[in-house]
Amino acid sequence: MNTRNFIIAFSIFGALVIFWILKTNMAPTIAPMPKISKVGELQKEAIPAEKRPGFKPAPEFSLKDLSGSEIKLTDFRNRVVLINFWATWCPPCREEMPDFISLYEQYKDRGLEIVGISMDWGPERVLPGFIKENNINYRILLGSEEVYSLYGGVNVIPTTFLLDKEGNIRKKYLGYSGKEILENDIKELL
């Protein structure tokens, strides 16, 4: 076999291997990108919770806040909860924070709780100054791989879940959704 035939055979073999990997779903999955073409552009609609009778209960978690206190999802029963997976280095996450601050201030007395779950590396180091500098008035928790997995393998940030007072996931938002969309959905559940 000459070199040219060897290269052709090897190329065909490589293409078949790649095809087989893709066909058998052995390739790593990549989460779809949110409907955002640039920072600050709004997502037009939320992704509805799972389509089946009733709604899917939000996975229970227990995470620490910056003071070291254990916070559980069940601590927020009988409240509408917005769970936001975010990071300090994420521009759309930073852009939506003023909306969360405003919504929390406006609706906390009516039963709204906002929980930011940080996906930062070294959160104990970066979060205190960031929270103070941005006047964040809602609860921030230190994320974990386990919780990211429980919520479907959070691969896009920001990712936000809206829970009803019974702890069921009612909406999922990928990317920066905008205050108006969030506010309308929250008001329906309060």
Protein backbone atom coordinates (compact mmCIF):
# COMPACT_ATOMS: atom_id res chain seq x y z
CA MET A 1 0.00 0.00 0.00
CA ASN A 2 1.49 3.31 -0.98
CA THR A 3 1.39 6.45 1.16
CA ARG A 4 -1.42 8.06 -0.82
CA ASN A 5 -3.74 5.04 -0.40
CA PHE A 6 -2.86 4.82 3.28
CA ILE A 7 -3.83 8.48 3.84
CA ILE A 8 -7.13 7.98 1.99
CA ALA A 9 -7.94 4.81 3.97
CA PHE A 10 -7.02 6.47 7.26
CA SER A 11 -9.19 9.52 6.42
CA ILE A 12 -12.18 7.31 5.59
CA PHE A 13 -11.66 5.33 8.81
CA GLY A 14 -11.48 8.57 10.83
CA ALA A 15 -14.66 9.89 9.24
CA LEU A 16 -16.46 6.62 10.04
CA VAL A 17 -15.33 6.78 13.67
CA ILE A 18 -16.56 10.36 14.01
CA PHE A 19 -19.87 9.43 12.38
CA TRP A 20 -20.26 6.45 14.74
CA ILE A 21 -19.54 8.61 17.80
CA LEU A 22 -22.10 11.20 16.75
CA LYS A 23 -24.65 8.55 15.82
CA THR A 24 -24.37 6.76 19.17
CA ASN A 25 -24.54 10.01 21.14
CA MET A 26 -21.15 9.43 22.68
CA ALA A 27 -20.05 12.94 21.81
CA PRO A 28 -20.27 15.46 24.64
CA THR A 29 -23.52 17.36 24.66
CA ILE A 30 -23.45 21.08 24.31
CA ALA A 31 -26.25 23.12 25.79
CA PRO A 32 -28.10 25.32 23.34
CA MET A 33 -27.10 28.93 23.53
CA PRO A 34 -29.69 31.31 24.91
CA LYS A 35 -31.69 33.49 22.55
CA ILE A 36 -29.30 36.40 22.95
CA SER A 37 -27.31 37.92 20.15
CA LYS A 38 -25.54 40.49 22.31
CA VAL A 39 -25.27 41.41 25.95
CA GLY A 40 -28.45 43.06 27.17
CA GLU A 41 -30.72 41.86 24.38
CA LEU A 42 -33.81 40.37 25.94
CA GLN A 43 -34.97 36.79 25.59
CA LYS A 44 -38.49 36.98 24.18
CA GLU A 45 -40.13 34.27 26.26
CA ALA A 46 -39.47 31.85 29.06
CA ILE A 47 -39.05 28.15 28.43
CA PRO A 48 -42.09 26.49 30.00
CA ALA A 49 -41.73 23.91 32.76
CA GLU A 50 -42.01 20.28 31.76
CA LYS A 51 -45.25 19.57 29.86
CA ARG A 52 -47.19 17.03 31.90
CA PRO A 53 -50.05 17.10 34.39
CA GLY A 54 -49.00 19.33 37.26
CA PHE A 55 -45.49 20.72 37.45
CA LYS A 56 -42.12 19.21 38.24
CA PRO A 57 -41.01 19.78 41.85
CA ALA A 58 -37.76 21.71 42.15
CA PRO A 59 -34.88 19.51 43.33
CA GLU A 60 -34.13 20.00 47.03
CA PHE A 61 -30.72 21.43 47.90
CA SER A 62 -28.75 22.61 50.88
CA LEU A 63 -26.05 25.23 50.25
CA LYS A 64 -24.03 27.61 52.38
CA ASP A 65 -24.22 31.36 52.29
CA LEU A 66 -21.17 33.57 52.83
CA SER A 67 -21.60 33.46 56.61
CA GLY A 68 -21.43 29.65 56.52
CA SER A 69 -25.11 29.08 57.32
CA GLU A 70 -26.78 26.10 55.62
CA ILE A 71 -29.75 27.23 53.53
CA LYS A 72 -32.26 24.68 52.19
CA LEU A 73 -34.77 25.15 49.43
CA THR A 74 -37.50 24.03 51.86
CA ASP A 75 -36.72 27.15 53.92
CA PHE A 76 -38.64 29.06 51.23
CA ARG A 77 -41.87 27.03 51.14
CA ASN A 78 -45.01 29.14 50.80
CA ARG A 79 -43.03 31.76 48.90
CA VAL A 80 -42.53 32.32 45.18
CA VAL A 81 -38.83 31.67 44.56
CA LEU A 82 -36.59 32.84 41.75
CA ILE A 83 -33.42 30.70 41.65
CA ASN A 84 -30.68 32.30 39.56
CA PHE A 85 -27.47 30.49 38.57
CA TRP A 86 -24.91 33.20 37.85
CA ALA A 87 -21.27 34.31 38.15
CA THR A 88 -19.52 37.62 38.75
CA TRP A 89 -17.58 37.33 35.47
CA CYS A 90 -20.76 36.89 33.35
CA PRO A 91 -21.87 40.14 31.61
CA PRO A 92 -25.57 39.15 31.17
CA CYS A 93 -25.64 38.07 34.84
CA ARG A 94 -24.38 41.47 35.90
CA GLU A 95 -26.87 43.18 33.63
CA GLU A 96 -29.90 41.42 35.14
CA MET A 97 -28.91 42.08 38.77
CA PRO A 98 -30.50 45.54 38.99
CA ASP A 99 -33.78 43.91 37.86
CA PHE A 100 -33.51 41.28 40.60
CA ILE A 101 -32.70 43.95 43.20
CA SER A 102 -35.72 46.00 42.11
CA LEU A 103 -38.08 43.01 41.92
CA TYR A 104 -37.00 41.76 45.35
CA GLU A 105 -37.49 45.19 46.90
CA GLN A 106 -40.90 45.54 45.28
CA TYR A 107 -42.30 42.04 45.96
CA LYS A 108 -40.49 40.59 49.01
CA ASP A 109 -43.34 41.63 51.32
CA ARG A 110 -45.83 39.90 49.03
CA GLY A 111 -43.99 36.55 49.18
CA LEU A 112 -41.09 36.71 46.70
CA GLU A 113 -37.69 35.24 47.52
CA ILE A 114 -34.71 35.55 45.16
CA VAL A 115 -31.81 33.15 45.56
CA GLY A 116 -28.63 33.69 43.57
CA ILE A 117 -26.47 30.57 43.31
CA SER A 118 -22.92 31.60 42.52
CA MET A 119 -20.98 29.57 39.97
CA ASP A 120 -17.80 31.54 40.63
CA TRP A 121 -14.41 29.96 41.27
CA GLY A 122 -13.27 30.92 44.75
CA PRO A 123 -16.59 32.54 45.66
CA GLU A 124 -15.57 33.27 49.26
CA ARG A 125 -12.91 35.59 47.86
CA VAL A 126 -14.82 37.37 45.07
CA LEU A 127 -18.39 37.58 46.35
CA PRO A 128 -18.23 39.80 49.46
CA GLY A 129 -16.87 42.83 47.61
CA PHE A 130 -19.06 42.19 44.58
CA ILE A 131 -22.25 41.97 46.68
CA LYS A 132 -21.40 45.17 48.55
CA GLU A 133 -20.35 47.07 45.43
CA ASN A 134 -23.58 46.13 43.60
CA ASN A 135 -25.92 46.59 46.60
CA ILE A 136 -27.35 43.09 46.19
CA ASN A 137 -30.27 42.79 48.59
CA TYR A 138 -31.28 39.17 47.95
CA ARG A 139 -29.75 35.93 49.21
CA ILE A 140 -26.55 34.64 47.56
CA LEU A 141 -25.50 31.01 48.04
CA LEU A 142 -22.28 29.19 47.15
CA GLY A 143 -23.04 26.74 44.33
CA SER A 144 -21.87 23.16 43.96
CA GLU A 145 -21.50 20.69 41.10
CA GLU A 146 -24.19 18.54 42.74
CA VAL A 147 -26.76 21.35 42.63
CA TYR A 148 -25.85 22.28 39.06
CA SER A 149 -26.50 18.65 38.11
CA LEU A 150 -29.78 18.49 40.04
CA TYR A 151 -31.06 21.38 37.97
CA GLY A 152 -30.28 19.72 34.65
CA GLY A 153 -26.59 20.43 34.34
CA VAL A 154 -26.56 24.22 34.22
CA ASN A 155 -24.39 24.89 31.15
CA VAL A 156 -25.58 28.38 30.25
CA ILE A 157 -25.54 31.31 32.62
CA PRO A 158 -27.53 33.04 33.65
CA THR A 159 -30.10 30.28 34.05
CA THR A 160 -33.08 31.11 36.22
CA PHE A 161 -35.93 28.99 37.56
CA LEU A 162 -39.24 30.37 38.84
CA LEU A 163 -40.88 28.25 41.55
CA ASP A 164 -44.43 28.51 42.81
CA LYS A 165 -45.35 28.54 46.51
CA GLU A 166 -45.48 24.73 46.55
CA GLY A 167 -41.90 24.45 45.28
CA ASN A 168 -42.75 23.44 41.70
CA ILE A 169 -40.75 24.71 38.73
CA ARG A 170 -43.08 26.89 36.70
CA LYS A 171 -40.63 28.57 34.29
CA LYS A 172 -37.03 28.30 33.19
CA TYR A 173 -35.20 31.22 31.62
CA LEU A 174 -31.93 30.94 29.71
CA GLY A 175 -29.99 34.16 29.46
CA TYR A 176 -31.04 37.65 30.46
CA SER A 177 -34.83 37.73 30.37
CA GLY A 178 -35.64 41.30 31.32
CA LYS A 179 -37.60 42.74 34.20
CA GLU A 180 -40.96 42.91 32.42
CA ILE A 181 -41.04 39.21 31.59
CA LEU A 182 -39.95 38.19 35.10
CA GLU A 183 -42.33 40.59 36.79
CA ASN A 184 -45.36 39.36 34.82
CA ASP A 185 -44.54 35.73 35.60
CA ILE A 186 -43.89 36.47 39.30
CA LYS A 187 -47.14 38.42 39.70
CA GLU A 188 -49.12 35.47 38.33
CA LEU A 189 -47.79 33.28 41.18
CA LEU A 190 -47.95 35.71 44.12
